[in-house]
Structures are given as structure tokens and as C-alpha cells.
Amino acid sequence: MDSFDMSVPCVVIDSHCELKESTVSGLSTHLKVSAAMSAPLVKKYIMLSSRIGSNKAMETMLADLDTDVEEFSLLWSEAKRDVEQGAIASMDDLVAAIATAKKGFQESPRRILVVQINKHDCDLLLVGQPNDENRWL
């Protein structure tokens, strides 16, 4: 394979530590993804929540005149439902995984993306044969 495409292989280690071979295009079958978590209003709430706490962030979002409260409420309900149903990533996370796989492939076509699924999130790793720049002295 000379150039990156979505058929590039990757490995998924599920939450039961079982290894599954896949392709980059197949990641969405292994990762439960929430589209609502990528919505700008939800991302704003999550950012505020990490800074000032969830209760204060919710108060801020609902009091903000620039926030479409009805839209935010619907998106937040959808995001919570997605998480309750096992979503561990957002669409942004899936795009980041694809970008990571592409970066690894461009550095060396023998590098492969490994996705480790944890209880509430996932880790992305690029593995492959080290080159001379990455060897320890």
C-alpha cells in the first residue's frame, strides 16, 4: 500500500482485553460514538464543567443569553443517553483516531494504530518498528 486510505489495518483491544483486527473505516463498529458529544454547545458545557464544576457550568449555560437553551437541553439529553448506552467517544474522537492512523502511516507505512478501549474512554497508540531516531542510546 503506497498511500493512506481507510482500508489501512488497525487493531482494537476491547474492554475485555480481546484483540480484534479491523481497518480504520471499521473503527466505528468497535467504538460506540456519540454525535451529540461533538456539538459545540455540549463541548462548551464540558469545558466549563472541567473548570468550574458541573452544577455551576449548567447554571452558566442556562443563564447565557447566547445559548439556545432548548437546543442545548436536547443535545445534552442525547449525549447523556448515548453515554448511558455505552458511548465512549465523540465524533471528534473518531476523526482524531483516523488522523492519528494517517500520521503514523505517513511516518512509516508499517506503523499501525492500536485502540485500547477502557471502561469510560479509549487510548490511541501508534506501534511499529522503531527507526534510528527513536532508539534509545
N, C-alpha and C. Protein backbone atom coordinates (compact mmCIF):
# COMPACT_ATOMS: atom_id res chain seq x y z
N MET A 1 0.85 -1.16 0.00
CA MET A 1 0.00 0.00 0.00
C MET A 1 0.91 1.24 0.00
N ASP A 2 0.70 2.10 -0.98
CA ASP A 2 1.57 3.25 -1.14
C ASP A 2 1.04 4.52 -0.49
N SER A 3 -0.27 4.64 -0.39
CA SER A 3 -0.83 5.84 0.22
C SER A 3 -1.91 5.45 1.23
N PHE A 4 -2.14 6.35 2.14
CA PHE A 4 -3.12 6.10 3.20
C PHE A 4 -4.52 6.09 2.61
N ASP A 5 -5.31 5.13 3.02
CA ASP A 5 -6.75 5.15 2.77
C ASP A 5 -7.44 4.46 3.95
N MET A 6 -8.73 4.45 3.93
CA MET A 6 -9.50 3.95 5.07
C MET A 6 -9.44 2.43 5.23
N SER A 7 -8.80 1.74 4.29
CA SER A 7 -8.67 0.29 4.42
C SER A 7 -7.38 -0.11 5.15
N VAL A 8 -6.63 0.88 5.63
CA VAL A 8 -5.42 0.60 6.39
C VAL A 8 -5.81 -0.19 7.64
N PRO A 9 -5.09 -1.27 7.93
CA PRO A 9 -5.44 -2.08 9.10
C PRO A 9 -5.16 -1.36 10.42
N CYS A 10 -5.91 -1.73 11.42
CA CYS A 10 -5.67 -1.26 12.79
C CYS A 10 -6.08 -2.39 13.73
N VAL A 11 -5.78 -2.21 14.99
CA VAL A 11 -6.11 -3.22 16.00
C VAL A 11 -6.93 -2.54 17.09
N VAL A 12 -7.95 -3.22 17.53
CA VAL A 12 -8.77 -2.74 18.64
C VAL A 12 -8.65 -3.75 19.77
N ILE A 13 -8.34 -3.26 20.96
CA ILE A 13 -8.34 -4.10 22.16
C ILE A 13 -9.57 -3.68 22.95
N ASP A 14 -10.55 -4.57 23.00
CA ASP A 14 -11.82 -4.19 23.62
C ASP A 14 -11.71 -4.18 25.15
N SER A 15 -12.79 -3.80 25.79
CA SER A 15 -12.78 -3.65 27.26
C SER A 15 -12.60 -4.98 27.99
N HIS A 16 -12.70 -6.10 27.27
CA HIS A 16 -12.45 -7.43 27.85
C HIS A 16 -11.05 -7.93 27.49
N CYS A 17 -10.20 -7.01 26.98
CA CYS A 17 -8.82 -7.30 26.57
C CYS A 17 -8.74 -8.29 25.42
N GLU A 18 -9.77 -8.36 24.61
CA GLU A 18 -9.74 -9.20 23.42
C GLU A 18 -9.25 -8.38 22.24
N LEU A 19 -8.34 -8.96 21.48
CA LEU A 19 -7.74 -8.31 20.32
C LEU A 19 -8.63 -8.52 19.10
N LYS A 20 -8.93 -7.43 18.39
CA LYS A 20 -9.75 -7.53 17.19
C LYS A 20 -9.04 -6.80 16.06
N GLU A 21 -8.87 -7.48 14.96
CA GLU A 21 -8.29 -6.84 13.78
C GLU A 21 -9.40 -6.10 13.06
N SER A 22 -9.07 -4.91 12.57
CA SER A 22 -10.05 -4.10 11.88
C SER A 22 -9.33 -3.25 10.84
N THR A 23 -10.06 -2.32 10.29
CA THR A 23 -9.49 -1.30 9.42
C THR A 23 -9.88 0.04 10.01
N VAL A 24 -9.25 1.09 9.52
CA VAL A 24 -9.60 2.42 10.02
C VAL A 24 -11.08 2.70 9.77
N SER A 25 -11.59 2.29 8.61
CA SER A 25 -13.01 2.53 8.32
C SER A 25 -13.92 1.71 9.23
N GLY A 26 -13.41 0.63 9.81
CA GLY A 26 -14.20 -0.20 10.70
C GLY A 26 -14.19 0.20 12.16
N LEU A 27 -13.46 1.25 12.48
CA LEU A 27 -13.38 1.67 13.89
C LEU A 27 -14.75 1.97 14.49
N SER A 28 -15.63 2.55 13.70
CA SER A 28 -16.94 2.93 14.24
C SER A 28 -17.77 1.71 14.63
N THR A 29 -17.42 0.53 14.15
CA THR A 29 -18.15 -0.68 14.58
C THR A 29 -17.66 -1.16 15.94
N HIS A 30 -16.49 -0.71 16.36
CA HIS A 30 -15.94 -1.13 17.65
C HIS A 30 -16.07 -0.05 18.72
N LEU A 31 -16.12 1.21 18.30
CA LEU A 31 -16.24 2.32 19.24
C LEU A 31 -17.66 2.84 19.24
N LYS A 32 -18.30 2.84 20.38
CA LYS A 32 -19.63 3.45 20.46
C LYS A 32 -19.41 4.96 20.53
N VAL A 33 -19.96 5.65 19.55
CA VAL A 33 -19.69 7.07 19.36
C VAL A 33 -20.96 7.89 19.57
N SER A 34 -20.79 9.06 20.17
CA SER A 34 -21.89 10.00 20.37
C SER A 34 -21.68 11.21 19.48
N ALA A 35 -22.60 11.44 18.57
CA ALA A 35 -22.53 12.65 17.74
C ALA A 35 -22.84 13.88 18.59
N ALA A 36 -23.73 13.74 19.56
CA ALA A 36 -24.11 14.88 20.41
C ALA A 36 -22.92 15.42 21.20
N MET A 37 -22.00 14.53 21.57
CA MET A 37 -20.83 14.98 22.35
C MET A 37 -19.92 15.91 21.55
N SER A 38 -20.06 15.92 20.23
CA SER A 38 -19.25 16.80 19.38
C SER A 38 -19.94 18.12 19.07
N ALA A 39 -21.17 18.29 19.51
CA ALA A 39 -21.89 19.54 19.27
C ALA A 39 -21.22 20.68 20.04
N PRO A 40 -21.08 21.85 19.42
CA PRO A 40 -20.40 22.98 20.07
C PRO A 40 -20.96 23.33 21.46
N LEU A 41 -22.28 23.28 21.63
CA LEU A 41 -22.86 23.62 22.94
C LEU A 41 -22.46 22.60 24.00
N VAL A 42 -22.44 21.33 23.65
CA VAL A 42 -22.07 20.29 24.60
C VAL A 42 -20.58 20.40 24.92
N LYS A 43 -19.76 20.66 23.90
CA LYS A 43 -18.32 20.83 24.13
C LYS A 43 -18.06 22.04 25.04
N LYS A 44 -18.85 23.10 24.86
CA LYS A 44 -18.72 24.29 25.73
C LYS A 44 -19.06 23.92 27.17
N TYR A 45 -20.15 23.16 27.36
CA TYR A 45 -20.53 22.73 28.71
C TYR A 45 -19.43 21.87 29.35
N ILE A 46 -18.90 20.93 28.59
CA ILE A 46 -17.86 20.04 29.12
C ILE A 46 -16.63 20.84 29.52
N MET A 47 -16.24 21.82 28.70
CA MET A 47 -15.09 22.67 29.02
C MET A 47 -15.36 23.48 30.29
N LEU A 48 -16.55 24.07 30.37
CA LEU A 48 -16.90 24.83 31.58
C LEU A 48 -16.95 23.92 32.80
N SER A 49 -17.50 22.75 32.63
CA SER A 49 -17.64 21.81 33.73
C SER A 49 -16.28 21.43 34.32
N SER A 50 -15.31 21.25 33.46
CA SER A 50 -13.97 20.90 33.96
C SER A 50 -13.32 22.07 34.69
N ARG A 51 -13.72 23.28 34.36
CA ARG A 51 -13.14 24.46 35.01
C ARG A 51 -13.87 24.86 36.30
N ILE A 52 -15.21 24.83 36.26
CA ILE A 52 -15.97 25.38 37.39
C ILE A 52 -16.92 24.38 38.05
N GLY A 53 -16.93 23.15 37.59
CA GLY A 53 -17.81 22.13 38.16
C GLY A 53 -19.10 22.02 37.36
N SER A 54 -19.71 20.85 37.43
CA SER A 54 -20.86 20.57 36.56
C SER A 54 -22.09 21.41 36.91
N ASN A 55 -22.37 21.60 38.20
CA ASN A 55 -23.56 22.38 38.57
C ASN A 55 -23.44 23.83 38.13
N LYS A 56 -22.30 24.43 38.40
CA LYS A 56 -22.07 25.84 38.02
C LYS A 56 -22.05 25.98 36.49
N ALA A 57 -21.48 25.00 35.81
CA ALA A 57 -21.44 25.03 34.35
C ALA A 57 -22.86 24.98 33.78
N MET A 58 -23.70 24.13 34.36
CA MET A 58 -25.08 24.03 33.87
C MET A 58 -25.81 25.34 34.11
N GLU A 59 -25.63 25.95 35.29
CA GLU A 59 -26.24 27.25 35.57
C GLU A 59 -25.78 28.29 34.57
N THR A 60 -24.50 28.29 34.27
CA THR A 60 -23.92 29.25 33.32
C THR A 60 -24.51 29.05 31.93
N MET A 61 -24.61 27.80 31.50
CA MET A 61 -25.14 27.51 30.17
C MET A 61 -26.61 27.95 30.06
N LEU A 62 -27.38 27.68 31.09
CA LEU A 62 -28.81 28.02 31.04
C LEU A 62 -29.06 29.51 31.20
N ALA A 63 -28.14 30.24 31.82
CA ALA A 63 -28.29 31.68 32.01
C ALA A 63 -27.67 32.49 30.86
N ASP A 64 -26.82 31.87 30.06
CA ASP A 64 -26.13 32.57 28.98
C ASP A 64 -27.13 32.95 27.88
N LEU A 65 -27.21 34.25 27.61
CA LEU A 65 -28.16 34.73 26.61
C LEU A 65 -27.82 34.26 25.19
N ASP A 66 -26.56 33.91 24.96
CA ASP A 66 -26.16 33.45 23.63
C ASP A 66 -26.45 31.95 23.43
N THR A 67 -26.79 31.26 24.50
CA THR A 67 -27.04 29.82 24.41
C THR A 67 -28.49 29.58 24.03
N ASP A 68 -28.71 28.76 23.03
CA ASP A 68 -30.03 28.30 22.68
C ASP A 68 -30.36 27.19 23.68
N VAL A 69 -31.07 27.55 24.73
CA VAL A 69 -31.31 26.64 25.86
C VAL A 69 -32.04 25.38 25.41
N GLU A 70 -33.01 25.52 24.54
CA GLU A 70 -33.75 24.35 24.09
C GLU A 70 -32.84 23.39 23.31
N GLU A 71 -32.02 23.95 22.41
CA GLU A 71 -31.09 23.11 21.65
C GLU A 71 -30.09 22.44 22.58
N PHE A 72 -29.53 23.21 23.51
CA PHE A 72 -28.57 22.64 24.45
C PHE A 72 -29.21 21.52 25.26
N SER A 73 -30.41 21.74 25.76
CA SER A 73 -31.09 20.72 26.57
C SER A 73 -31.30 19.43 25.77
N LEU A 74 -31.71 19.55 24.52
CA LEU A 74 -31.90 18.37 23.69
C LEU A 74 -30.58 17.64 23.43
N LEU A 75 -29.54 18.42 23.10
CA LEU A 75 -28.23 17.81 22.84
C LEU A 75 -27.66 17.16 24.10
N TRP A 76 -27.80 17.83 25.23
CA TRP A 76 -27.26 17.29 26.48
C TRP A 76 -28.00 16.00 26.86
N SER A 77 -29.31 15.98 26.67
CA SER A 77 -30.08 14.76 26.95
C SER A 77 -29.63 13.62 26.03
N GLU A 78 -29.41 13.94 24.76
CA GLU A 78 -28.94 12.93 23.81
C GLU A 78 -27.55 12.42 24.19
N ALA A 79 -26.66 13.34 24.57
CA ALA A 79 -25.30 12.95 24.97
C ALA A 79 -25.34 12.05 26.20
N LYS A 80 -26.14 12.40 27.20
CA LYS A 80 -26.25 11.57 28.40
C LYS A 80 -26.81 10.19 28.07
N ARG A 81 -27.80 10.14 27.20
CA ARG A 81 -28.38 8.87 26.79
C ARG A 81 -27.33 8.02 26.05
N ASP A 82 -26.56 8.68 25.17
CA ASP A 82 -25.50 7.96 24.45
C ASP A 82 -24.50 7.34 25.41
N VAL A 83 -24.09 8.10 26.41
CA VAL A 83 -23.12 7.59 27.40
C VAL A 83 -23.73 6.45 28.20
N GLU A 84 -24.99 6.59 28.59
CA GLU A 84 -25.67 5.51 29.32
C GLU A 84 -25.74 4.23 28.48
N GLN A 85 -25.78 4.39 27.15
CA GLN A 85 -25.84 3.24 26.25
C GLN A 85 -24.45 2.78 25.81
N GLY A 86 -23.42 3.31 26.47
CA GLY A 86 -22.07 2.80 26.23
C GLY A 86 -21.16 3.62 25.35
N ALA A 87 -21.59 4.80 24.92
CA ALA A 87 -20.71 5.64 24.10
C ALA A 87 -19.49 6.05 24.92
N ILE A 88 -18.31 5.90 24.31
CA ILE A 88 -17.07 6.27 25.00
C ILE A 88 -16.26 7.28 24.20
N ALA A 89 -16.80 7.70 23.05
CA ALA A 89 -16.07 8.63 22.20
C ALA A 89 -17.06 9.54 21.48
N SER A 90 -16.55 10.68 21.06
CA SER A 90 -17.34 11.59 20.25
C SER A 90 -16.93 11.42 18.79
N MET A 91 -17.67 12.04 17.91
CA MET A 91 -17.28 12.03 16.50
C MET A 91 -15.91 12.66 16.34
N ASP A 92 -15.63 13.70 17.12
CA ASP A 92 -14.31 14.34 17.09
C ASP A 92 -13.21 13.35 17.46
N ASP A 93 -13.49 12.49 18.44
CA ASP A 93 -12.51 11.47 18.84
C ASP A 93 -12.26 10.49 17.71
N LEU A 94 -13.31 10.11 17.00
CA LEU A 94 -13.16 9.18 15.88
C LEU A 94 -12.32 9.81 14.77
N VAL A 95 -12.59 11.08 14.48
CA VAL A 95 -11.80 11.80 13.48
C VAL A 95 -10.34 11.89 13.93
N ALA A 96 -10.11 12.13 15.21
CA ALA A 96 -8.73 12.19 15.74
C ALA A 96 -8.03 10.84 15.60
N ALA A 97 -8.76 9.75 15.81
CA ALA A 97 -8.17 8.42 15.65
C ALA A 97 -7.74 8.19 14.20
N ILE A 98 -8.59 8.62 13.27
CA ILE A 98 -8.26 8.48 11.85
C ILE A 98 -7.04 9.33 11.51
N ALA A 99 -6.99 10.56 12.05
CA ALA A 99 -5.85 11.43 11.81
C ALA A 99 -4.57 10.84 12.39
N THR A 100 -4.67 10.20 13.55
CA THR A 100 -3.51 9.55 14.17
C THR A 100 -3.03 8.40 13.31
N ALA A 101 -3.95 7.60 12.79
CA ALA A 101 -3.58 6.49 11.91
C ALA A 101 -2.90 7.01 10.65
N LYS A 102 -3.42 8.09 10.10
CA LYS A 102 -2.84 8.67 8.89
C LYS A 102 -1.44 9.20 9.16
N LYS A 103 -1.27 9.88 10.28
CA LYS A 103 0.05 10.41 10.66
C LYS A 103 1.06 9.27 10.78
N GLY A 104 0.66 8.21 11.47
CA GLY A 104 1.55 7.06 11.64
C GLY A 104 1.91 6.42 10.31
N PHE A 105 0.93 6.29 9.43
CA PHE A 105 1.17 5.69 8.12
C PHE A 105 2.15 6.54 7.32
N GLN A 106 1.97 7.86 7.39
CA GLN A 106 2.84 8.75 6.63
C GLN A 106 4.27 8.74 7.17
N GLU A 107 4.41 8.54 8.48
CA GLU A 107 5.75 8.44 9.07
C GLU A 107 6.42 7.13 8.65
N SER A 108 5.64 6.07 8.64
CA SER A 108 6.13 4.76 8.21
C SER A 108 4.91 3.88 7.96
N PRO A 109 4.76 3.39 6.73
CA PRO A 109 3.60 2.55 6.41
C PRO A 109 3.48 1.29 7.28
N ARG A 110 4.53 0.95 8.00
CA ARG A 110 4.48 -0.23 8.87
C ARG A 110 3.94 0.09 10.27
N ARG A 111 3.73 1.38 10.55
CA ARG A 111 3.14 1.74 11.84
C ARG A 111 1.64 1.46 11.79
N ILE A 112 1.11 1.01 12.91
CA ILE A 112 -0.30 0.63 12.95
C ILE A 112 -0.96 1.28 14.16
N LEU A 113 -2.21 1.67 13.98
CA LEU A 113 -2.98 2.25 15.06
C LEU A 113 -3.54 1.13 15.93
N VAL A 114 -3.35 1.27 17.24
CA VAL A 114 -3.94 0.36 18.21
C VAL A 114 -4.87 1.19 19.09
N VAL A 115 -6.12 0.77 19.17
CA VAL A 115 -7.10 1.46 20.01
C VAL A 115 -7.39 0.57 21.20
N GLN A 116 -7.07 1.06 22.38
CA GLN A 116 -7.34 0.33 23.64
C GLN A 116 -8.62 0.91 24.23
N ILE A 117 -9.67 0.13 24.27
CA ILE A 117 -10.94 0.59 24.83
C ILE A 117 -10.93 0.34 26.33
N ASN A 118 -11.13 1.40 27.08
CA ASN A 118 -11.19 1.33 28.54
C ASN A 118 -12.66 1.40 28.98
N LYS A 119 -12.89 1.45 30.26
CA LYS A 119 -14.27 1.46 30.76
C LYS A 119 -15.04 2.70 30.31
N HIS A 120 -14.39 3.89 30.35
CA HIS A 120 -15.10 5.13 30.03
C HIS A 120 -14.49 5.92 28.89
N ASP A 121 -13.40 5.44 28.31
CA ASP A 121 -12.75 6.15 27.21
C ASP A 121 -11.87 5.18 26.44
N CYS A 122 -11.02 5.70 25.59
CA CYS A 122 -10.10 4.83 24.87
C CYS A 122 -8.78 5.55 24.67
N ASP A 123 -7.74 4.76 24.50
CA ASP A 123 -6.40 5.28 24.26
C ASP A 123 -5.99 4.94 22.84
N LEU A 124 -5.28 5.85 22.18
CA LEU A 124 -4.77 5.63 20.84
C LEU A 124 -3.26 5.48 20.91
N LEU A 125 -2.76 4.43 20.29
CA LEU A 125 -1.33 4.18 20.26
C LEU A 125 -0.89 3.90 18.83
N LEU A 126 0.27 4.39 18.47
CA LEU A 126 0.88 4.03 17.19
C LEU A 126 2.04 3.11 17.50
N VAL A 127 2.03 1.94 16.92
CA VAL A 127 3.12 1.00 17.16
C VAL A 127 3.73 0.59 15.83
N GLY A 128 4.98 0.24 15.90
CA GLY A 128 5.69 -0.19 14.70
C GLY A 128 7.16 -0.35 15.01
N GLN A 129 7.87 -0.77 14.01
CA GLN A 129 9.30 -0.97 14.14
C GLN A 129 9.97 0.37 14.39
N PRO A 130 10.79 0.48 15.44
CA PRO A 130 11.46 1.77 15.70
C PRO A 130 12.48 2.06 14.61
N ASN A 131 12.65 3.35 14.35
CA ASN A 131 13.71 3.73 13.42
C ASN A 131 14.89 4.25 14.25
N ASP A 132 15.98 4.59 13.62
CA ASP A 132 17.18 5.00 14.35
C ASP A 132 16.94 6.24 15.21
N GLU A 133 16.04 7.12 14.80
CA GLU A 133 15.76 8.34 15.57
C GLU A 133 15.07 8.02 16.89
N ASN A 134 14.31 6.92 16.94
CA ASN A 134 13.53 6.58 18.13
C ASN A 134 14.22 5.58 19.04
N ARG A 135 15.39 5.14 18.70
CA ARG A 135 16.10 4.16 19.54
C ARG A 135 16.76 4.85 20.71
N TRP A 136 16.80 4.14 21.81
CA TRP A 136 17.49 4.65 22.99
C TRP A 136 18.97 4.42 22.83
N LEU A 137 19.74 5.31 23.36
CA LEU A 137 21.20 5.16 23.27
C LEU A 137 21.70 4.30 24.40
